[in-house]
Amino acid sequence: MVHNSAQFVLGTPELLLSIATFLPGKAFRDWDNAFEMLAAGHEHMLLEKPEIVPSVADVERAIDANRLDVLQILVERYNVPCHTTSLVKAAAAEGNVAMLQYMLGRRAATVHYDGVCDSIVYGAAAGHLEIVEELAPRVSPRTLRKALAYAADFGHVDVVAHLEATLLNWHEAVDEATCPTRDLYSVHSIYVPAPHSANAGRPSRLQRMHTRLCHYLCPALA
């Protein structure tokens, strides 16, 4: 006599199929996609199939599906590289800021490297404000202007506004760092010409060069 629970399972084809799918039968033997196994929460199956080696292709699928949990498993347990230029660009283009932050954190501690410049342009063109906010401090004004142009072309007003503000802040910071008016003025004012100047009453060549440098760095002193 069959138990009521067993009768229910056997009498429900969908439930029976869903159970049988993950049993170590034909479906298990035929399953050869590491990403799909991990995404379904069946890492134990992957561990039982050593012939399946997770690869960068699985990382790409994780990025496309916005599955940070799967990405972390691939990187931390199977040592699959995730911080290549193409993968960073892919995460930026998809707008997956959490995955982008994770990949950047796994990379060497450098402020700027290949891939970030294109990534912020991709993110700006797609209207991913969080991507732009994450990458803007890592790129040059030239790249910021390029990203701004793409964002404007595609009508992403919020991205344009952020990039304009970033550019303005960058230029203000550079002006403050490279043109300390008080210091330049004090150096220029206390400058004493060489005692053996070629022409009496005429500034020496070094003084003239210093004066031109001051005027170039800070036109207000001209």
N, C-alpha and C. Protein backbone atom coordinates (compact mmCIF):
# COMPACT_ATOMS: atom_id res chain seq x y z
N MET A 1 0.85 -1.19 0.00
CA MET A 1 0.00 0.00 0.00
C MET A 1 0.89 1.24 0.00
N VAL A 2 0.62 2.14 -0.93
CA VAL A 2 1.45 3.33 -1.07
C VAL A 2 0.99 4.40 -0.10
N HIS A 3 1.93 5.03 0.57
CA HIS A 3 1.63 6.09 1.53
C HIS A 3 0.99 7.28 0.81
N ASN A 4 0.14 8.02 1.53
CA ASN A 4 -0.55 9.16 0.93
C ASN A 4 0.42 10.19 0.34
N SER A 5 1.53 10.47 1.06
CA SER A 5 2.50 11.45 0.57
C SER A 5 3.13 10.98 -0.73
N ALA A 6 3.46 9.71 -0.79
CA ALA A 6 4.05 9.16 -2.01
C ALA A 6 3.05 9.22 -3.16
N GLN A 7 1.78 8.93 -2.86
CA GLN A 7 0.76 9.02 -3.90
C GLN A 7 0.65 10.44 -4.43
N PHE A 8 0.75 11.41 -3.53
CA PHE A 8 0.65 12.81 -3.95
C PHE A 8 1.80 13.17 -4.89
N VAL A 9 3.01 12.74 -4.51
CA VAL A 9 4.19 13.05 -5.33
C VAL A 9 4.08 12.37 -6.69
N LEU A 10 3.74 11.07 -6.67
CA LEU A 10 3.65 10.32 -7.92
C LEU A 10 2.51 10.83 -8.80
N GLY A 11 1.50 11.40 -8.17
CA GLY A 11 0.36 11.90 -8.93
C GLY A 11 0.51 13.33 -9.39
N THR A 12 1.65 13.94 -9.10
CA THR A 12 1.90 15.33 -9.52
C THR A 12 3.14 15.34 -10.42
N PRO A 13 2.95 15.26 -11.73
CA PRO A 13 4.11 15.15 -12.64
C PRO A 13 5.11 16.29 -12.50
N GLU A 14 4.61 17.52 -12.31
CA GLU A 14 5.53 18.66 -12.21
C GLU A 14 6.44 18.54 -10.99
N LEU A 15 5.85 18.17 -9.85
CA LEU A 15 6.63 18.02 -8.63
C LEU A 15 7.61 16.86 -8.76
N LEU A 16 7.16 15.76 -9.32
CA LEU A 16 8.04 14.61 -9.50
C LEU A 16 9.21 14.96 -10.42
N LEU A 17 8.92 15.71 -11.47
CA LEU A 17 9.98 16.10 -12.41
C LEU A 17 11.00 17.01 -11.74
N SER A 18 10.51 17.98 -10.93
CA SER A 18 11.42 18.91 -10.27
C SER A 18 12.32 18.20 -9.27
N ILE A 19 11.81 17.15 -8.64
CA ILE A 19 12.63 16.38 -7.71
C ILE A 19 13.63 15.52 -8.47
N ALA A 20 13.15 14.85 -9.49
CA ALA A 20 14.01 13.94 -10.24
C ALA A 20 15.11 14.67 -11.00
N THR A 21 14.84 15.92 -11.35
CA THR A 21 15.83 16.69 -12.12
C THR A 21 17.15 16.79 -11.39
N PHE A 22 17.10 16.92 -10.07
CA PHE A 22 18.31 17.14 -9.29
C PHE A 22 18.83 15.88 -8.61
N LEU A 23 18.25 14.75 -8.96
CA LEU A 23 18.79 13.49 -8.47
C LEU A 23 19.97 13.08 -9.34
N PRO A 24 20.90 12.30 -8.79
CA PRO A 24 22.07 11.90 -9.58
C PRO A 24 21.72 10.91 -10.68
N GLY A 25 20.86 11.33 -11.58
CA GLY A 25 20.48 10.51 -12.71
C GLY A 25 20.94 11.14 -14.00
N LYS A 26 20.15 10.97 -15.07
CA LYS A 26 20.54 11.48 -16.38
C LYS A 26 20.70 12.99 -16.38
N ALA A 27 19.78 13.71 -15.72
CA ALA A 27 19.87 15.17 -15.68
C ALA A 27 21.16 15.62 -15.01
N PHE A 28 21.52 14.93 -13.96
CA PHE A 28 22.76 15.28 -13.26
C PHE A 28 23.97 14.99 -14.15
N ARG A 29 23.93 13.85 -14.82
CA ARG A 29 25.07 13.48 -15.68
C ARG A 29 25.21 14.45 -16.86
N ASP A 30 24.10 14.93 -17.37
CA ASP A 30 24.14 15.80 -18.55
C ASP A 30 24.43 17.26 -18.21
N TRP A 31 24.31 17.62 -16.96
CA TRP A 31 24.48 19.03 -16.58
C TRP A 31 25.98 19.35 -16.55
N ASP A 32 26.40 20.21 -17.46
CA ASP A 32 27.83 20.51 -17.58
C ASP A 32 28.13 22.00 -17.56
N ASN A 33 27.22 22.79 -17.00
CA ASN A 33 27.40 24.25 -16.96
C ASN A 33 27.61 24.69 -15.51
N ALA A 34 28.82 25.14 -15.21
CA ALA A 34 29.14 25.50 -13.83
C ALA A 34 28.28 26.65 -13.33
N PHE A 35 28.07 27.66 -14.16
CA PHE A 35 27.26 28.80 -13.72
C PHE A 35 25.85 28.37 -13.37
N GLU A 36 25.24 27.56 -14.21
CA GLU A 36 23.85 27.14 -13.96
C GLU A 36 23.75 26.34 -12.66
N MET A 37 24.72 25.51 -12.39
CA MET A 37 24.71 24.74 -11.15
C MET A 37 24.79 25.67 -9.94
N LEU A 38 25.72 26.62 -10.00
CA LEU A 38 25.90 27.53 -8.87
C LEU A 38 24.70 28.46 -8.72
N ALA A 39 24.16 28.93 -9.83
CA ALA A 39 23.01 29.83 -9.78
C ALA A 39 21.79 29.14 -9.20
N ALA A 40 21.69 27.83 -9.43
CA ALA A 40 20.57 27.07 -8.89
C ALA A 40 20.79 26.65 -7.45
N GLY A 41 21.98 26.96 -6.92
CA GLY A 41 22.27 26.63 -5.53
C GLY A 41 22.74 25.21 -5.31
N HIS A 42 23.30 24.60 -6.36
CA HIS A 42 23.72 23.20 -6.26
C HIS A 42 25.22 23.07 -6.45
N GLU A 43 25.97 23.73 -5.59
CA GLU A 43 27.42 23.65 -5.69
C GLU A 43 27.91 22.23 -5.42
N HIS A 44 27.16 21.48 -4.61
CA HIS A 44 27.59 20.12 -4.31
C HIS A 44 27.68 19.27 -5.58
N MET A 45 26.82 19.57 -6.55
CA MET A 45 26.88 18.84 -7.82
C MET A 45 28.16 19.17 -8.57
N LEU A 46 28.53 20.43 -8.51
CA LEU A 46 29.76 20.85 -9.19
C LEU A 46 30.98 20.19 -8.53
N LEU A 47 30.93 20.06 -7.21
CA LEU A 47 32.04 19.42 -6.50
C LEU A 47 32.16 17.95 -6.85
N GLU A 48 31.04 17.34 -7.22
CA GLU A 48 31.05 15.92 -7.58
C GLU A 48 31.41 15.69 -9.04
N LYS A 49 31.63 16.78 -9.78
CA LYS A 49 31.97 16.64 -11.21
C LYS A 49 33.27 17.39 -11.47
N PRO A 50 34.41 16.85 -11.06
CA PRO A 50 35.69 17.54 -11.20
C PRO A 50 36.08 17.83 -12.64
N GLU A 51 35.44 17.15 -13.59
CA GLU A 51 35.77 17.41 -14.99
C GLU A 51 35.26 18.77 -15.46
N ILE A 52 34.33 19.36 -14.70
CA ILE A 52 33.81 20.69 -15.05
C ILE A 52 34.62 21.73 -14.29
N VAL A 53 35.36 22.53 -15.01
CA VAL A 53 36.23 23.54 -14.41
C VAL A 53 35.62 24.92 -14.67
N PRO A 54 35.21 25.63 -13.62
CA PRO A 54 34.67 26.99 -13.81
C PRO A 54 35.67 27.88 -14.53
N SER A 55 35.16 28.75 -15.41
CA SER A 55 36.03 29.57 -16.23
C SER A 55 35.54 31.01 -16.27
N VAL A 56 36.27 31.83 -17.03
CA VAL A 56 35.89 33.24 -17.20
C VAL A 56 34.51 33.35 -17.85
N ALA A 57 34.17 32.38 -18.69
CA ALA A 57 32.85 32.39 -19.33
C ALA A 57 31.74 32.33 -18.28
N ASP A 58 31.97 31.60 -17.20
CA ASP A 58 30.99 31.55 -16.11
C ASP A 58 30.91 32.88 -15.38
N VAL A 59 32.04 33.57 -15.26
CA VAL A 59 32.03 34.91 -14.67
C VAL A 59 31.22 35.86 -15.54
N GLU A 60 31.38 35.76 -16.85
CA GLU A 60 30.61 36.60 -17.76
C GLU A 60 29.12 36.36 -17.61
N ARG A 61 28.74 35.10 -17.46
CA ARG A 61 27.32 34.78 -17.26
C ARG A 61 26.82 35.34 -15.93
N ALA A 62 27.66 35.29 -14.91
CA ALA A 62 27.27 35.85 -13.61
C ALA A 62 27.06 37.36 -13.72
N ILE A 63 27.92 38.03 -14.48
CA ILE A 63 27.77 39.48 -14.67
C ILE A 63 26.50 39.78 -15.43
N ASP A 64 26.24 39.03 -16.50
CA ASP A 64 25.02 39.24 -17.29
C ASP A 64 23.77 39.05 -16.44
N ALA A 65 23.82 38.09 -15.52
CA ALA A 65 22.66 37.80 -14.68
C ALA A 65 22.65 38.62 -13.40
N ASN A 66 23.68 39.45 -13.19
CA ASN A 66 23.80 40.27 -11.98
C ASN A 66 23.77 39.40 -10.72
N ARG A 67 24.55 38.32 -10.76
CA ARG A 67 24.61 37.39 -9.63
C ARG A 67 25.96 37.54 -8.92
N LEU A 68 26.00 38.49 -7.99
CA LEU A 68 27.23 38.72 -7.24
C LEU A 68 27.59 37.51 -6.40
N ASP A 69 26.58 36.81 -5.87
CA ASP A 69 26.86 35.64 -5.05
C ASP A 69 27.59 34.56 -5.83
N VAL A 70 27.17 34.36 -7.08
CA VAL A 70 27.84 33.37 -7.92
C VAL A 70 29.25 33.83 -8.28
N LEU A 71 29.39 35.12 -8.56
CA LEU A 71 30.71 35.67 -8.87
C LEU A 71 31.68 35.44 -7.72
N GLN A 72 31.22 35.68 -6.51
CA GLN A 72 32.08 35.49 -5.34
C GLN A 72 32.51 34.04 -5.18
N ILE A 73 31.60 33.11 -5.44
CA ILE A 73 31.95 31.69 -5.35
C ILE A 73 33.00 31.34 -6.40
N LEU A 74 32.80 31.82 -7.62
CA LEU A 74 33.73 31.52 -8.70
C LEU A 74 35.13 32.05 -8.40
N VAL A 75 35.18 33.23 -7.82
CA VAL A 75 36.47 33.88 -7.58
C VAL A 75 37.14 33.32 -6.33
N GLU A 76 36.38 33.22 -5.25
CA GLU A 76 36.98 32.90 -3.96
C GLU A 76 37.18 31.40 -3.73
N ARG A 77 36.38 30.58 -4.38
CA ARG A 77 36.52 29.13 -4.16
C ARG A 77 37.17 28.41 -5.34
N TYR A 78 37.06 29.01 -6.52
CA TYR A 78 37.60 28.34 -7.70
C TYR A 78 38.70 29.16 -8.39
N ASN A 79 39.05 30.30 -7.80
CA ASN A 79 40.17 31.12 -8.29
C ASN A 79 40.02 31.53 -9.75
N VAL A 80 38.80 31.80 -10.17
CA VAL A 80 38.59 32.29 -11.53
C VAL A 80 38.87 33.79 -11.54
N PRO A 81 39.73 34.28 -12.44
CA PRO A 81 40.02 35.73 -12.47
C PRO A 81 38.79 36.52 -12.87
N CYS A 82 38.57 37.64 -12.18
CA CYS A 82 37.37 38.43 -12.47
C CYS A 82 37.69 39.88 -12.78
N HIS A 83 38.97 40.29 -12.66
CA HIS A 83 39.28 41.71 -12.76
C HIS A 83 39.95 42.07 -14.08
N THR A 84 39.71 41.28 -15.12
CA THR A 84 40.27 41.62 -16.42
C THR A 84 39.57 42.85 -16.98
N THR A 85 40.21 43.50 -17.93
CA THR A 85 39.65 44.72 -18.51
C THR A 85 38.28 44.49 -19.11
N SER A 86 38.12 43.40 -19.86
CA SER A 86 36.85 43.14 -20.52
C SER A 86 35.72 42.90 -19.52
N LEU A 87 36.02 42.23 -18.41
CA LEU A 87 34.98 41.95 -17.41
C LEU A 87 34.59 43.21 -16.66
N VAL A 88 35.56 44.08 -16.37
CA VAL A 88 35.24 45.35 -15.73
C VAL A 88 34.34 46.18 -16.64
N LYS A 89 34.65 46.21 -17.93
CA LYS A 89 33.81 46.94 -18.88
C LYS A 89 32.41 46.36 -18.94
N ALA A 90 32.32 45.03 -18.92
CA ALA A 90 31.01 44.38 -18.99
C ALA A 90 30.14 44.75 -17.80
N ALA A 91 30.72 44.73 -16.61
CA ALA A 91 29.97 45.09 -15.41
C ALA A 91 29.50 46.53 -15.46
N ALA A 92 30.36 47.42 -15.96
CA ALA A 92 29.98 48.84 -16.07
C ALA A 92 28.87 49.02 -17.08
N ALA A 93 28.97 48.36 -18.22
CA ALA A 93 27.95 48.49 -19.25
C ALA A 93 26.60 47.97 -18.78
N GLU A 94 26.62 46.93 -17.94
CA GLU A 94 25.37 46.36 -17.42
C GLU A 94 24.83 47.16 -16.24
N GLY A 95 25.64 48.08 -15.70
CA GLY A 95 25.18 48.86 -14.56
C GLY A 95 25.24 48.12 -13.25
N ASN A 96 26.04 47.07 -13.18
CA ASN A 96 26.15 46.27 -11.96
C ASN A 96 27.22 46.85 -11.05
N VAL A 97 26.85 47.87 -10.28
CA VAL A 97 27.85 48.60 -9.50
C VAL A 97 28.45 47.74 -8.39
N ALA A 98 27.65 46.88 -7.76
CA ALA A 98 28.18 46.03 -6.70
C ALA A 98 29.22 45.06 -7.24
N MET A 99 28.96 44.52 -8.42
CA MET A 99 29.92 43.61 -9.03
C MET A 99 31.17 44.37 -9.47
N LEU A 100 30.97 45.59 -9.97
CA LEU A 100 32.11 46.41 -10.38
C LEU A 100 33.00 46.72 -9.18
N GLN A 101 32.39 47.10 -8.07
CA GLN A 101 33.15 47.40 -6.86
C GLN A 101 33.91 46.17 -6.38
N TYR A 102 33.27 45.01 -6.47
CA TYR A 102 33.93 43.77 -6.05
C TYR A 102 35.14 43.49 -6.91
N MET A 103 34.99 43.64 -8.22
CA MET A 103 36.10 43.36 -9.13
C MET A 103 37.23 44.36 -8.96
N LEU A 104 36.90 45.62 -8.78
CA LEU A 104 37.94 46.62 -8.57
C LEU A 104 38.68 46.36 -7.26
N GLY A 105 37.95 45.88 -6.26
CA GLY A 105 38.58 45.57 -4.98
C GLY A 105 39.52 44.38 -5.05
N ARG A 106 39.30 43.48 -6.02
CA ARG A 106 40.16 42.32 -6.17
C ARG A 106 41.42 42.65 -6.96
N ARG A 107 41.43 43.83 -7.56
CA ARG A 107 42.57 44.20 -8.39
C ARG A 107 43.64 44.89 -7.56
N ALA A 108 44.80 45.09 -8.14
CA ALA A 108 45.89 45.78 -7.45
C ALA A 108 45.43 47.17 -7.05
N ALA A 109 45.96 47.67 -5.97
CA ALA A 109 45.53 48.96 -5.42
C ALA A 109 46.11 50.11 -6.24
N THR A 110 45.55 50.32 -7.42
CA THR A 110 45.95 51.44 -8.26
C THR A 110 44.74 52.31 -8.53
N VAL A 111 44.96 53.60 -8.68
CA VAL A 111 43.85 54.51 -8.90
C VAL A 111 43.36 54.43 -10.34
N HIS A 112 44.28 54.25 -11.28
CA HIS A 112 43.92 54.30 -12.69
C HIS A 112 44.58 53.14 -13.43
N TYR A 113 43.84 52.48 -14.29
CA TYR A 113 44.41 51.43 -15.11
C TYR A 113 43.51 51.21 -16.31
N ASP A 114 44.01 50.45 -17.28
CA ASP A 114 43.25 50.20 -18.50
C ASP A 114 41.90 49.57 -18.17
N GLY A 115 40.89 50.05 -18.84
CA GLY A 115 39.55 49.51 -18.66
C GLY A 115 38.62 50.46 -17.95
N VAL A 116 39.12 51.22 -17.01
CA VAL A 116 38.27 52.13 -16.25
C VAL A 116 37.78 53.28 -17.13
N CYS A 117 38.66 53.79 -17.99
CA CYS A 117 38.27 54.92 -18.85
C CYS A 117 37.11 54.53 -19.76
N ASP A 118 37.23 53.38 -20.41
CA ASP A 118 36.14 52.92 -21.27
C ASP A 118 34.91 52.58 -20.43
N SER A 119 35.11 52.06 -19.24
CA SER A 119 33.99 51.65 -18.40
C SER A 119 33.10 52.83 -18.02
N ILE A 120 33.71 53.96 -17.67
CA ILE A 120 32.89 55.10 -17.27
C ILE A 120 32.14 55.66 -18.48
N VAL A 121 32.75 55.57 -19.66
CA VAL A 121 32.07 56.01 -20.88
C VAL A 121 30.88 55.10 -21.17
N TYR A 122 31.07 53.78 -21.03
CA TYR A 122 29.97 52.84 -21.24
C TYR A 122 28.84 53.10 -20.24
N GLY A 123 29.24 53.29 -18.98
CA GLY A 123 28.23 53.54 -17.96
C GLY A 123 27.47 54.83 -18.19
N ALA A 124 28.19 55.87 -18.61
CA ALA A 124 27.54 57.16 -18.88
C ALA A 124 26.60 57.06 -20.07
N ALA A 125 27.03 56.38 -21.12
CA ALA A 125 26.19 56.24 -22.31
C ALA A 125 24.91 55.46 -22.01
N ALA A 126 25.01 54.52 -21.07
CA ALA A 126 23.84 53.71 -20.70
C ALA A 126 23.00 54.36 -19.60
N GLY A 127 23.48 55.48 -19.06
CA GLY A 127 22.72 56.17 -18.03
C GLY A 127 22.84 55.58 -16.64
N HIS A 128 23.92 54.86 -16.38
CA HIS A 128 24.11 54.24 -15.06
C HIS A 128 24.84 55.23 -14.14
N LEU A 129 24.08 56.01 -13.41
CA LEU A 129 24.66 57.06 -12.57
C LEU A 129 25.58 56.48 -11.50
N GLU A 130 25.20 55.37 -10.89
CA GLU A 130 26.03 54.78 -9.83
C GLU A 130 27.39 54.35 -10.37
N ILE A 131 27.42 53.86 -11.59
CA ILE A 131 28.69 53.48 -12.21
C ILE A 131 29.56 54.72 -12.39
N VAL A 132 28.96 55.78 -12.89
CA VAL A 132 29.70 57.03 -13.11
C VAL A 132 30.22 57.58 -11.78
N GLU A 133 29.40 57.54 -10.75
CA GLU A 133 29.84 58.03 -9.44
C GLU A 133 31.01 57.21 -8.90
N GLU A 134 31.00 55.92 -9.16
CA GLU A 134 32.07 55.04 -8.68
C GLU A 134 33.38 55.29 -9.41
N LEU A 135 33.32 55.54 -10.71
CA LEU A 135 34.54 55.61 -11.52
C LEU A 135 35.06 57.01 -11.76
N ALA A 136 34.22 58.02 -11.56
CA ALA A 136 34.64 59.40 -11.86
C ALA A 136 35.93 59.81 -11.15
N PRO A 137 36.12 59.46 -9.87
CA PRO A 137 37.37 59.86 -9.20
C PRO A 137 38.62 59.17 -9.75
N ARG A 138 38.45 58.15 -10.59
CA ARG A 138 39.59 57.37 -11.06
C ARG A 138 40.11 57.80 -12.43
N VAL A 139 39.43 58.75 -13.08
CA VAL A 139 39.80 59.07 -14.46
C VAL A 139 40.16 60.54 -14.60
N SER A 140 40.72 60.88 -15.74
CA SER A 140 41.18 62.24 -16.01
C SER A 140 40.03 63.11 -16.50
N PRO A 141 40.21 64.44 -16.48
CA PRO A 141 39.17 65.34 -17.01
C PRO A 141 38.84 65.05 -18.47
N ARG A 142 39.83 64.65 -19.24
CA ARG A 142 39.58 64.32 -20.65
C ARG A 142 38.56 63.19 -20.77
N THR A 143 38.73 62.16 -19.95
CA THR A 143 37.78 61.05 -19.96
C THR A 143 36.42 61.48 -19.42
N LEU A 144 36.42 62.33 -18.42
CA LEU A 144 35.15 62.84 -17.88
C LEU A 144 34.38 63.59 -18.96
N ARG A 145 35.09 64.40 -19.75
CA ARG A 145 34.42 65.15 -20.81
C ARG A 145 33.88 64.21 -21.89
N LYS A 146 34.62 63.16 -22.18
CA LYS A 146 34.14 62.18 -23.16
C LYS A 146 32.88 61.49 -22.65
N ALA A 147 32.90 61.09 -21.39
CA ALA A 147 31.73 60.44 -20.80
C ALA A 147 30.54 61.39 -20.78
N LEU A 148 30.81 62.66 -20.48
CA LEU A 148 29.75 63.67 -20.46
C LEU A 148 29.11 63.80 -21.83
N ALA A 149 29.93 63.81 -22.88
CA ALA A 149 29.41 63.94 -24.24
C ALA A 149 28.49 62.77 -24.59
N TYR A 150 28.88 61.56 -24.22
CA TYR A 150 28.04 60.40 -24.50
C TYR A 150 26.74 60.45 -23.70
N ALA A 151 26.84 60.83 -22.44
CA ALA A 151 25.64 60.92 -21.61
C ALA A 151 24.67 61.96 -22.18
N ALA A 152 25.21 63.07 -22.65
CA ALA A 152 24.37 64.12 -23.24
C ALA A 152 23.72 63.63 -24.53
N ASP A 153 24.47 62.90 -25.36
CA ASP A 153 23.92 62.38 -26.61
C ASP A 153 22.73 61.47 -26.37
N PHE A 154 22.78 60.71 -25.28
CA PHE A 154 21.70 59.76 -25.00
C PHE A 154 20.66 60.34 -24.03
N GLY A 155 20.80 61.61 -23.69
CA GLY A 155 19.79 62.28 -22.89
C GLY A 155 19.74 61.92 -21.42
N HIS A 156 20.86 61.51 -20.85
CA HIS A 156 20.89 61.15 -19.43
C HIS A 156 21.26 62.40 -18.61
N VAL A 157 20.24 63.16 -18.27
CA VAL A 157 20.44 64.46 -17.64
C VAL A 157 21.14 64.34 -16.29
N ASP A 158 20.75 63.35 -15.50
CA ASP A 158 21.35 63.21 -14.17
C ASP A 158 22.84 62.89 -14.25
N VAL A 159 23.21 62.08 -15.23
CA VAL A 159 24.63 61.74 -15.41
C VAL A 159 25.41 62.97 -15.87
N VAL A 160 24.82 63.73 -16.78
CA VAL A 160 25.47 64.95 -17.26
C VAL A 160 25.71 65.91 -16.11
N ALA A 161 24.71 66.10 -15.26
CA ALA A 161 24.84 67.02 -14.13
C ALA A 161 25.95 66.57 -13.19
N HIS A 162 26.03 65.28 -12.93
CA HIS A 162 27.07 64.78 -12.03
C HIS A 162 28.46 64.98 -12.63
N LEU A 163 28.61 64.70 -13.90
CA LEU A 163 29.91 64.85 -14.55
C LEU A 163 30.33 66.31 -14.63
N GLU A 164 29.38 67.19 -14.88
CA GLU A 164 29.71 68.63 -14.90
C GLU A 164 30.19 69.08 -13.52
N ALA A 165 29.50 68.64 -12.48
CA ALA A 165 29.92 69.01 -11.12
C ALA A 165 31.29 68.42 -10.79
N THR A 166 31.54 67.20 -11.24
CA THR A 166 32.84 66.57 -10.99
C THR A 166 33.96 67.32 -11.69
N LEU A 167 33.72 67.73 -12.93
CA LEU A 167 34.72 68.50 -13.67
C LEU A 167 35.00 69.83 -12.99
N LEU A 168 33.94 70.49 -12.54
CA LEU A 168 34.11 71.77 -11.87
C LEU A 168 34.93 71.61 -10.60
N ASN A 169 34.61 70.60 -9.81
CA ASN A 169 35.36 70.34 -8.57
C ASN A 169 36.81 70.00 -8.87
N TRP A 170 37.04 69.26 -9.95
CA TRP A 170 38.40 68.88 -10.31
C TRP A 170 39.23 70.11 -10.64
N HIS A 171 38.67 71.00 -11.46
CA HIS A 171 39.41 72.20 -11.85
C HIS A 171 39.65 73.12 -10.66
N GLU A 172 38.67 73.21 -9.78
CA GLU A 172 38.86 74.05 -8.59
C GLU A 172 39.96 73.48 -7.70
N ALA A 173 39.98 72.15 -7.57
CA ALA A 173 41.02 71.52 -6.75
C ALA A 173 42.40 71.72 -7.36
N VAL A 174 42.49 71.62 -8.68
CA VAL A 174 43.78 71.81 -9.35
C VAL A 174 44.25 73.25 -9.20
N ASP A 175 43.32 74.18 -9.38
CA ASP A 175 43.69 75.59 -9.22
C ASP A 175 44.23 75.86 -7.83
N GLU A 176 43.59 75.28 -6.84
CA GLU A 176 44.01 75.51 -5.46
C GLU A 176 45.36 74.85 -5.18
N ALA A 177 45.58 73.67 -5.78
CA ALA A 177 46.81 72.93 -5.51
C ALA A 177 48.01 73.49 -6.26
N THR A 178 47.78 73.98 -7.48
CA THR A 178 48.91 74.41 -8.32
C THR A 178 49.12 75.91 -8.32
N CYS A 179 48.20 76.66 -7.78
CA CYS A 179 48.35 78.11 -7.79
C CYS A 179 48.07 78.70 -6.41
N PRO A 180 48.90 78.40 -5.42
CA PRO A 180 48.74 79.05 -4.11
C PRO A 180 49.22 80.49 -4.21
N THR A 181 48.31 81.43 -4.41
CA THR A 181 48.67 82.82 -4.71
C THR A 181 49.58 83.41 -3.66
N ARG A 182 49.30 83.15 -2.41
CA ARG A 182 50.10 83.75 -1.35
C ARG A 182 51.55 83.29 -1.44
N ASP A 183 51.74 81.97 -1.66
CA ASP A 183 53.10 81.44 -1.73
C ASP A 183 53.85 81.98 -2.94
N LEU A 184 53.17 81.98 -4.09
CA LEU A 184 53.84 82.48 -5.29
C LEU A 184 54.20 83.95 -5.15
N TYR A 185 53.29 84.73 -4.57
CA TYR A 185 53.55 86.15 -4.42
C TYR A 185 54.71 86.40 -3.46
N SER A 186 54.74 85.61 -2.38
CA SER A 186 55.80 85.82 -1.40
C SER A 186 57.16 85.44 -1.99
N VAL A 187 57.19 84.34 -2.74
CA VAL A 187 58.45 83.94 -3.37
C VAL A 187 58.90 84.98 -4.38
N HIS A 188 57.95 85.48 -5.15
CA HIS A 188 58.28 86.48 -6.18
C HIS A 188 58.75 87.79 -5.54
N SER A 189 58.15 88.16 -4.44
CA SER A 189 58.45 89.46 -3.82
C SER A 189 59.81 89.47 -3.15
N ILE A 190 60.21 88.35 -2.55
CA ILE A 190 61.47 88.36 -1.81
C ILE A 190 62.65 87.91 -2.66
N TYR A 191 62.38 87.69 -3.95
CA TYR A 191 63.46 87.23 -4.82
C TYR A 191 64.56 88.29 -4.90
N VAL A 192 65.80 87.88 -4.74
CA VAL A 192 66.95 88.79 -4.78
C VAL A 192 67.80 88.42 -6.00
N PRO A 193 68.03 89.38 -6.94
CA PRO A 193 68.82 89.07 -8.12
C PRO A 193 70.24 88.68 -7.76
N ALA A 194 70.86 87.93 -8.65
CA ALA A 194 72.25 87.55 -8.45
C ALA A 194 73.12 88.80 -8.41
N PRO A 195 74.14 88.86 -7.56
CA PRO A 195 74.94 90.08 -7.41
C PRO A 195 75.77 90.41 -8.65
N HIS A 196 76.02 89.45 -9.53
CA HIS A 196 76.85 89.71 -10.71
C HIS A 196 76.01 89.62 -11.98
N SER A 197 74.86 90.28 -11.97
CA SER A 197 74.00 90.29 -13.14
C SER A 197 74.74 90.90 -14.32
N ALA A 198 74.44 90.41 -15.52
CA ALA A 198 75.16 90.87 -16.71
C ALA A 198 74.96 92.35 -16.95
N ASN A 199 73.73 92.82 -16.77
CA ASN A 199 73.43 94.23 -17.01
C ASN A 199 72.88 94.83 -15.73
N ALA A 200 73.50 95.87 -15.27
CA ALA A 200 73.04 96.53 -14.04
C ALA A 200 71.63 97.06 -14.24
N GLY A 201 70.80 96.85 -13.26
CA GLY A 201 69.43 97.33 -13.32
C GLY A 201 68.49 96.44 -14.09
N ARG A 202 68.99 95.41 -14.71
CA ARG A 202 68.14 94.48 -15.47
C ARG A 202 68.06 93.15 -14.73
N PRO A 203 66.84 92.56 -14.59
CA PRO A 203 66.73 91.29 -13.88
C PRO A 203 67.57 90.21 -14.55
N SER A 204 68.08 89.31 -13.75
CA SER A 204 68.87 88.21 -14.30
C SER A 204 67.97 87.26 -15.09
N ARG A 205 68.59 86.38 -15.85
CA ARG A 205 67.85 85.40 -16.65
C ARG A 205 67.02 84.50 -15.76
N LEU A 206 67.57 84.09 -14.62
CA LEU A 206 66.84 83.24 -13.69
C LEU A 206 65.63 83.95 -13.12
N GLN A 207 65.80 85.25 -12.81
CA GLN A 207 64.67 86.01 -12.26
C GLN A 207 63.59 86.18 -13.31
N ARG A 208 64.00 86.47 -14.56
CA ARG A 208 63.00 86.64 -15.62
C ARG A 208 62.23 85.33 -15.84
N MET A 209 62.93 84.21 -15.82
CA MET A 209 62.27 82.91 -15.98
C MET A 209 61.30 82.65 -14.83
N HIS A 210 61.71 82.98 -13.62
CA HIS A 210 60.85 82.79 -12.46
C HIS A 210 59.61 83.66 -12.55
N THR A 211 59.79 84.91 -13.01
CA THR A 211 58.65 85.81 -13.15
C THR A 211 57.66 85.28 -14.18
N ARG A 212 58.16 84.79 -15.32
CA ARG A 212 57.27 84.24 -16.34
C ARG A 212 56.53 83.01 -15.82
N LEU A 213 57.21 82.20 -15.02
CA LEU A 213 56.57 81.02 -14.45
C LEU A 213 55.44 81.43 -13.50
N CYS A 214 55.68 82.43 -12.68
CA CYS A 214 54.64 82.92 -11.77
C CYS A 214 53.44 83.43 -12.54
N HIS A 215 53.69 84.19 -13.61
CA HIS A 215 52.59 84.74 -14.41
C HIS A 215 51.82 83.64 -15.13
N TYR A 216 52.54 82.59 -15.54
CA TYR A 216 51.89 81.49 -16.23
C TYR A 216 50.99 80.70 -15.28
N LEU A 217 51.49 80.43 -14.10
CA LEU A 217 50.72 79.65 -13.13
C LEU A 217 49.57 80.44 -12.55
N CYS A 218 49.75 81.71 -12.40
CA CYS A 218 48.70 82.53 -11.78
C CYS A 218 48.66 83.89 -12.49
N PRO A 219 47.85 84.00 -13.54
CA PRO A 219 47.79 85.25 -14.31
C PRO A 219 47.45 86.47 -13.47
N ALA A 220 46.83 86.26 -12.31
CA ALA A 220 46.45 87.41 -11.48
C ALA A 220 47.66 88.20 -11.02
N LEU A 221 48.83 87.57 -11.05
CA LEU A 221 50.04 88.26 -10.62
C LEU A 221 50.65 89.11 -11.73
N ALA A 222 50.13 88.96 -12.95
CA ALA A 222 50.70 89.69 -14.09
C ALA A 222 50.43 91.19 -13.97
